[in-house]
Amino acid sequence: MPENEWQRSSFCGGGGNNCIETLPQNGLILMRESQDPEAIISVTPKQLAAFIQGAKAGEYDHLT
């Protein structure tokens, strides 16, 4: 993958809408939603790992 290319999940589907995209940059992970690409947040790899672990454990199921 090229250095400055946003990555989408394979679960995103063919249309490319409603996708979370990520880009590693300067030791951080940049994240954005494909329908609003100007709104970017940054997290550390450790923060992202903790979020993913919580999501897998069902900690956020009440939000859906």
PDB file of N, CA and C in Angstrom:
ATOM      1  N   MET A   1       0.849  -1.173   0.000  1.00  0.00           N
ATOM      2  CA  MET A   1       0.000   0.000   0.000  1.00  0.00           C
ATOM      3  C   MET A   1       0.901   1.245   0.000  1.00  0.00           C
ATOM      4  N   PRO A   2       0.603   2.204  -0.870  1.00  0.00           N
ATOM      5  CA  PRO A   2       1.395   3.443  -0.859  1.00  0.00           C
ATOM      6  C   PRO A   2       1.308   4.156   0.484  1.00  0.00           C
ATOM      7  N   GLU A   3       2.344   4.914   0.802  1.00  0.00           N
ATOM      8  CA  GLU A   3       2.499   5.525   2.114  1.00  0.00           C
ATOM      9  C   GLU A   3       1.339   6.449   2.503  1.00  0.00           C
ATOM     10  N   ASN A   4       0.803   7.216   1.593  1.00  0.00           N
ATOM     11  CA  ASN A   4      -0.245   8.187   1.922  1.00  0.00           C
ATOM     12  C   ASN A   4      -1.602   7.791   1.368  1.00  0.00           C
ATOM     13  N   GLU A   5      -1.908   6.505   1.348  1.00  0.00           N
ATOM     14  CA  GLU A   5      -3.184   6.036   0.818  1.00  0.00           C
ATOM     15  C   GLU A   5      -4.074   5.545   1.963  1.00  0.00           C
ATOM     16  N   TRP A   6      -5.290   6.076   2.025  1.00  0.00           N
ATOM     17  CA  TRP A   6      -6.246   5.657   3.040  1.00  0.00           C
ATOM     18  C   TRP A   6      -6.656   4.217   2.782  1.00  0.00           C
ATOM     19  N   GLN A   7      -6.806   3.440   3.852  1.00  0.00           N
ATOM     20  CA  GLN A   7      -7.177   2.035   3.746  1.00  0.00           C
ATOM     21  C   GLN A   7      -8.598   1.850   4.247  1.00  0.00           C
ATOM     22  N   ARG A   8      -9.392   1.102   3.483  1.00  0.00           N
ATOM     23  CA  ARG A   8     -10.761   0.763   3.866  1.00  0.00           C
ATOM     24  C   ARG A   8     -10.846  -0.714   4.213  1.00  0.00           C
ATOM     25  N   SER A   9     -11.763  -1.040   5.072  1.00  0.00           N
ATOM     26  CA  SER A   9     -12.009  -2.424   5.415  1.00  0.00           C
ATOM     27  C   SER A   9     -12.595  -3.172   4.224  1.00  0.00           C
ATOM     28  N   SER A  10     -12.282  -4.445   4.121  1.00  0.00           N
ATOM     29  CA  SER A  10     -12.885  -5.270   3.073  1.00  0.00           C
ATOM     30  C   SER A  10     -14.376  -5.461   3.323  1.00  0.00           C
ATOM     31  N   PHE A  11     -14.849  -5.177   4.530  1.00  0.00           N
ATOM     32  CA  PHE A  11     -16.266  -5.274   4.862  1.00  0.00           C
ATOM     33  C   PHE A  11     -17.049  -4.053   4.381  1.00  0.00           C
ATOM     34  N   CYS A  12     -16.369  -3.094   3.840  1.00  0.00           N
ATOM     35  CA  CYS A  12     -16.965  -1.825   3.412  1.00  0.00           C
ATOM     36  C   CYS A  12     -17.964  -2.019   2.281  1.00  0.00           C
ATOM     37  N   GLY A  13     -17.717  -2.938   1.417  1.00  0.00           N
ATOM     38  CA  GLY A  13     -18.595  -3.144   0.273  1.00  0.00           C
ATOM     39  C   GLY A  13     -18.086  -2.410  -0.951  1.00  0.00           C
ATOM     40  N   GLY A  14     -18.751  -2.641  -2.059  1.00  0.00           N
ATOM     41  CA  GLY A  14     -18.302  -2.089  -3.328  1.00  0.00           C
ATOM     42  C   GLY A  14     -18.560  -0.609  -3.500  1.00  0.00           C
ATOM     43  N   GLY A  15     -19.600  -0.076  -2.844  1.00  0.00           N
ATOM     44  CA  GLY A  15     -19.950   1.318  -3.059  1.00  0.00           C
ATOM     45  C   GLY A  15     -19.002   2.303  -2.417  1.00  0.00           C
ATOM     46  N   GLY A  16     -18.361   1.930  -1.348  1.00  0.00           N
ATOM     47  CA  GLY A  16     -17.418   2.814  -0.688  1.00  0.00           C
ATOM     48  C   GLY A  16     -18.052   3.830   0.232  1.00  0.00           C
ATOM     49  N   ASN A  17     -19.337   3.732   0.476  1.00  0.00           N
ATOM     50  CA  ASN A  17     -20.007   4.653   1.381  1.00  0.00           C
ATOM     51  C   ASN A  17     -20.080   4.061   2.786  1.00  0.00           C
ATOM     52  N   ASN A  18     -20.157   4.926   3.774  1.00  0.00           N
ATOM     53  CA  ASN A  18     -20.269   4.509   5.175  1.00  0.00           C
ATOM     54  C   ASN A  18     -19.108   3.626   5.604  1.00  0.00           C
ATOM     55  N   CYS A  19     -17.918   3.994   5.221  1.00  0.00           N
ATOM     56  CA  CYS A  19     -16.730   3.211   5.555  1.00  0.00           C
ATOM     57  C   CYS A  19     -15.813   4.012   6.467  1.00  0.00           C
ATOM     58  N   ILE A  20     -15.211   3.335   7.396  1.00  0.00           N
ATOM     59  CA  ILE A  20     -14.144   3.940   8.182  1.00  0.00           C
ATOM     60  C   ILE A  20     -12.846   3.681   7.430  1.00  0.00           C
ATOM     61  N   GLU A  21     -12.062   4.733   7.260  1.00  0.00           N
ATOM     62  CA  GLU A  21     -10.783   4.627   6.573  1.00  0.00           C
ATOM     63  C   GLU A  21      -9.673   4.990   7.548  1.00  0.00           C
ATOM     64  N   THR A  22      -8.531   4.345   7.406  1.00  0.00           N
ATOM     65  CA  THR A  22      -7.400   4.594   8.300  1.00  0.00           C
ATOM     66  C   THR A  22      -6.142   4.907   7.488  1.00  0.00           C
ATOM     67  N   LEU A  23      -5.250   5.653   8.151  1.00  0.00           N
ATOM     68  CA  LEU A  23      -3.978   6.008   7.535  1.00  0.00           C
ATOM     69  C   LEU A  23      -2.940   6.177   8.643  1.00  0.00           C
ATOM     70  N   PRO A  24      -1.912   5.327   8.679  1.00  0.00           N
ATOM     71  CA  PRO A  24      -0.849   5.538   9.670  1.00  0.00           C
ATOM     72  C   PRO A  24      -0.007   6.743   9.273  1.00  0.00           C
ATOM     73  N   GLN A  25       0.280   7.597  10.267  1.00  0.00           N
ATOM     74  CA  GLN A  25       1.079   8.788   9.967  1.00  0.00           C
ATOM     75  C   GLN A  25       1.743   9.305  11.233  1.00  0.00           C
ATOM     76  N   ASN A  26       3.046   9.419  11.195  1.00  0.00           N
ATOM     77  CA  ASN A  26       3.834   9.979  12.306  1.00  0.00           C
ATOM     78  C   ASN A  26       3.549   9.305  13.642  1.00  0.00           C
ATOM     79  N   GLY A  27       3.437   7.993  13.644  1.00  0.00           N
ATOM     80  CA  GLY A  27       3.223   7.248  14.879  1.00  0.00           C
ATOM     81  C   GLY A  27       1.781   7.226  15.357  1.00  0.00           C
ATOM     82  N   LEU A  28       0.878   7.842  14.619  1.00  0.00           N
ATOM     83  CA  LEU A  28      -0.544   7.858  14.960  1.00  0.00           C
ATOM     84  C   LEU A  28      -1.327   7.131  13.884  1.00  0.00           C
ATOM     85  N   ILE A  29      -2.590   6.837  14.188  1.00  0.00           N
ATOM     86  CA  ILE A  29      -3.512   6.295  13.208  1.00  0.00           C
ATOM     87  C   ILE A  29      -4.556   7.379  12.951  1.00  0.00           C
ATOM     88  N   LEU A  30      -4.627   7.865  11.728  1.00  0.00           N
ATOM     89  CA  LEU A  30      -5.657   8.824  11.362  1.00  0.00           C
ATOM     90  C   LEU A  30      -6.882   8.035  10.927  1.00  0.00           C
ATOM     91  N   MET A  31      -8.058   8.519  11.306  1.00  0.00           N
ATOM     92  CA  MET A  31      -9.302   7.836  10.957  1.00  0.00           C
ATOM     93  C   MET A  31     -10.303   8.854  10.437  1.00  0.00           C
ATOM     94  N   ARG A  32     -11.079   8.446   9.451  1.00  0.00           N
ATOM     95  CA  ARG A  32     -12.141   9.288   8.921  1.00  0.00           C
ATOM     96  C   ARG A  32     -13.273   8.407   8.410  1.00  0.00           C
ATOM     97  N   GLU A  33     -14.427   9.022   8.212  1.00  0.00           N
ATOM     98  CA  GLU A  33     -15.587   8.332   7.657  1.00  0.00           C
ATOM     99  C   GLU A  33     -15.675   8.746   6.199  1.00  0.00           C
ATOM    100  N   SER A  34     -15.886   7.799   5.312  1.00  0.00           N
ATOM    101  CA  SER A  34     -15.792   8.072   3.882  1.00  0.00           C
ATOM    102  C   SER A  34     -16.778   9.135   3.394  1.00  0.00           C
ATOM    103  N   GLN A  35     -17.909   9.304   4.056  1.00  0.00           N
ATOM    104  CA  GLN A  35     -18.873  10.305   3.616  1.00  0.00           C
ATOM    105  C   GLN A  35     -18.524  11.716   4.098  1.00  0.00           C
ATOM    106  N   ASP A  36     -17.574  11.825   5.022  1.00  0.00           N
ATOM    107  CA  ASP A  36     -17.132  13.139   5.515  1.00  0.00           C
ATOM    108  C   ASP A  36     -15.609  13.109   5.652  1.00  0.00           C
ATOM    109  N   PRO A  37     -14.891  13.041   4.532  1.00  0.00           N
ATOM    110  CA  PRO A  37     -13.441  12.832   4.594  1.00  0.00           C
ATOM    111  C   PRO A  37     -12.642  13.980   5.195  1.00  0.00           C
ATOM    112  N   GLU A  38     -13.256  15.133   5.385  1.00  0.00           N
ATOM    113  CA  GLU A  38     -12.534  16.254   5.983  1.00  0.00           C
ATOM    114  C   GLU A  38     -12.480  16.151   7.508  1.00  0.00           C
ATOM    115  N   ALA A  39     -13.378  15.375   8.105  1.00  0.00           N
ATOM    116  CA  ALA A  39     -13.416  15.199   9.561  1.00  0.00           C
ATOM    117  C   ALA A  39     -12.509  14.027   9.926  1.00  0.00           C
ATOM    118  N   ILE A  40     -11.328  14.341  10.417  1.00  0.00           N
ATOM    119  CA  ILE A  40     -10.310  13.330  10.708  1.00  0.00           C
ATOM    120  C   ILE A  40      -9.988  13.365  12.196  1.00  0.00           C
ATOM    121  N   ILE A  41      -9.923  12.174  12.799  1.00  0.00           N
ATOM    122  CA  ILE A  41      -9.464  12.066  14.180  1.00  0.00           C
ATOM    123  C   ILE A  41      -8.156  11.283  14.181  1.00  0.00           C
ATOM    124  N   SER A  42      -7.379  11.447  15.229  1.00  0.00           N
ATOM    125  CA  SER A  42      -6.137  10.684  15.348  1.00  0.00           C
ATOM    126  C   SER A  42      -6.113   9.979  16.687  1.00  0.00           C
ATOM    127  N   VAL A  43      -5.590   8.771  16.664  1.00  0.00           N
ATOM    128  CA  VAL A  43      -5.448   7.955  17.869  1.00  0.00           C
ATOM    129  C   VAL A  43      -4.089   7.281  17.825  1.00  0.00           C
ATOM    130  N   THR A  44      -3.631   6.866  18.983  1.00  0.00           N
ATOM    131  CA  THR A  44      -2.402   6.080  19.025  1.00  0.00           C
ATOM    132  C   THR A  44      -2.749   4.637  18.690  1.00  0.00           C
ATOM    133  N   PRO A  45      -1.774   3.863  18.245  1.00  0.00           N
ATOM    134  CA  PRO A  45      -2.045   2.440  18.015  1.00  0.00           C
ATOM    135  C   PRO A  45      -2.589   1.744  19.272  1.00  0.00           C
ATOM    136  N   LYS A  46      -2.103   2.139  20.447  1.00  0.00           N
ATOM    137  CA  LYS A  46      -2.578   1.537  21.692  1.00  0.00           C
ATOM    138  C   LYS A  46      -4.056   1.874  21.941  1.00  0.00           C
ATOM    139  N   GLN A  47      -4.447   3.111  21.682  1.00  0.00           N
ATOM    140  CA  GLN A  47      -5.853   3.508  21.844  1.00  0.00           C
ATOM    141  C   GLN A  47      -6.752   2.749  20.871  1.00  0.00           C
ATOM    142  N   LEU A  48      -6.311   2.625  19.628  1.00  0.00           N
ATOM    143  CA  LEU A  48      -7.106   1.908  18.637  1.00  0.00           C
ATOM    144  C   LEU A  48      -7.240   0.435  19.026  1.00  0.00           C
ATOM    145  N   ALA A  49      -6.158  -0.160  19.499  1.00  0.00           N
ATOM    146  CA  ALA A  49      -6.207  -1.566  19.923  1.00  0.00           C
ATOM    147  C   ALA A  49      -7.187  -1.747  21.080  1.00  0.00           C
ATOM    148  N   ALA A  50      -7.204  -0.805  22.023  1.00  0.00           N
ATOM    149  CA  ALA A  50      -8.132  -0.893  23.155  1.00  0.00           C
ATOM    150  C   ALA A  50      -9.577  -0.764  22.683  1.00  0.00           C
ATOM    151  N   PHE A  51      -9.826   0.135  21.737  1.00  0.00           N
ATOM    152  CA  PHE A  51     -11.173   0.288  21.195  1.00  0.00           C
ATOM    153  C   PHE A  51     -11.621  -0.990  20.489  1.00  0.00           C
ATOM    154  N   ILE A  52     -10.760  -1.549  19.646  1.00  0.00           N
ATOM    155  CA  ILE A  52     -11.104  -2.763  18.914  1.00  0.00           C
ATOM    156  C   ILE A  52     -11.372  -3.906  19.886  1.00  0.00           C
ATOM    157  N   GLN A  53     -10.546  -4.026  20.912  1.00  0.00           N
ATOM    158  CA  GLN A  53     -10.738  -5.077  21.912  1.00  0.00           C
ATOM    159  C   GLN A  53     -12.091  -4.903  22.599  1.00  0.00           C
ATOM    160  N   GLY A  54     -12.447  -3.665  22.953  1.00  0.00           N
ATOM    161  CA  GLY A  54     -13.738  -3.398  23.573  1.00  0.00           C
ATOM    162  C   GLY A  54     -14.897  -3.704  22.645  1.00  0.00           C
ATOM    163  N   ALA A  55     -14.745  -3.355  21.366  1.00  0.00           N
ATOM    164  CA  ALA A  55     -15.805  -3.637  20.394  1.00  0.00           C
ATOM    165  C   ALA A  55     -16.005  -5.141  20.235  1.00  0.00           C
ATOM    166  N   LYS A  56     -14.921  -5.885  20.179  1.00  0.00           N
ATOM    167  CA  LYS A  56     -15.028  -7.342  20.067  1.00  0.00           C
ATOM    168  C   LYS A  56     -15.676  -7.953  21.302  1.00  0.00           C
ATOM    169  N   ALA A  57     -15.471  -7.324  22.453  1.00  0.00           N
ATOM    170  CA  ALA A  57     -16.039  -7.829  23.708  1.00  0.00           C
ATOM    171  C   ALA A  57     -17.489  -7.388  23.908  1.00  0.00           C
ATOM    172  N   GLY A  58     -18.009  -6.564  22.981  1.00  0.00           N
ATOM    173  CA  GLY A  58     -19.403  -6.145  23.068  1.00  0.00           C
ATOM    174  C   GLY A  58     -19.650  -4.913  23.913  1.00  0.00           C
ATOM    175  N   GLU A  59     -18.609  -4.199  24.286  1.00  0.00           N
ATOM    176  CA  GLU A  59     -18.766  -3.040  25.153  1.00  0.00           C
ATOM    177  C   GLU A  59     -19.582  -1.908  24.522  1.00  0.00           C
ATOM    178  N   TYR A  60     -19.679  -1.876  23.213  1.00  0.00           N
ATOM    179  CA  TYR A  60     -20.370  -0.798  22.515  1.00  0.00           C
ATOM    180  C   TYR A  60     -21.657  -1.251  21.847  1.00  0.00           C
ATOM    181  N   ASP A  61     -22.072  -2.465  22.111  1.00  0.00           N
ATOM    182  CA  ASP A  61     -23.268  -3.013  21.453  1.00  0.00           C
ATOM    183  C   ASP A  61     -24.504  -2.166  21.732  1.00  0.00           C
ATOM    184  N   HIS A  62     -24.558  -1.529  22.866  1.00  0.00           N
ATOM    185  CA  HIS A  62     -25.729  -0.707  23.210  1.00  0.00           C
ATOM    186  C   HIS A  62     -25.849   0.529  22.328  1.00  0.00           C
ATOM    187  N   LEU A  63     -24.822   0.870  21.580  1.00  0.00           N
ATOM    188  CA  LEU A  63     -24.845   2.040  20.703  1.00  0.00           C
ATOM    189  C   LEU A  63     -25.438   1.744  19.327  1.00  0.00           C
ATOM    190  N   THR A  64     -25.627   0.479  19.023  1.00  0.00           N
ATOM    191  CA  THR A  64     -26.151   0.119  17.710  1.00  0.00           C
ATOM    192  C   THR A  64     -27.582  -0.334  17.775  1.00  0.00           C
TER     193      THR A  64
END
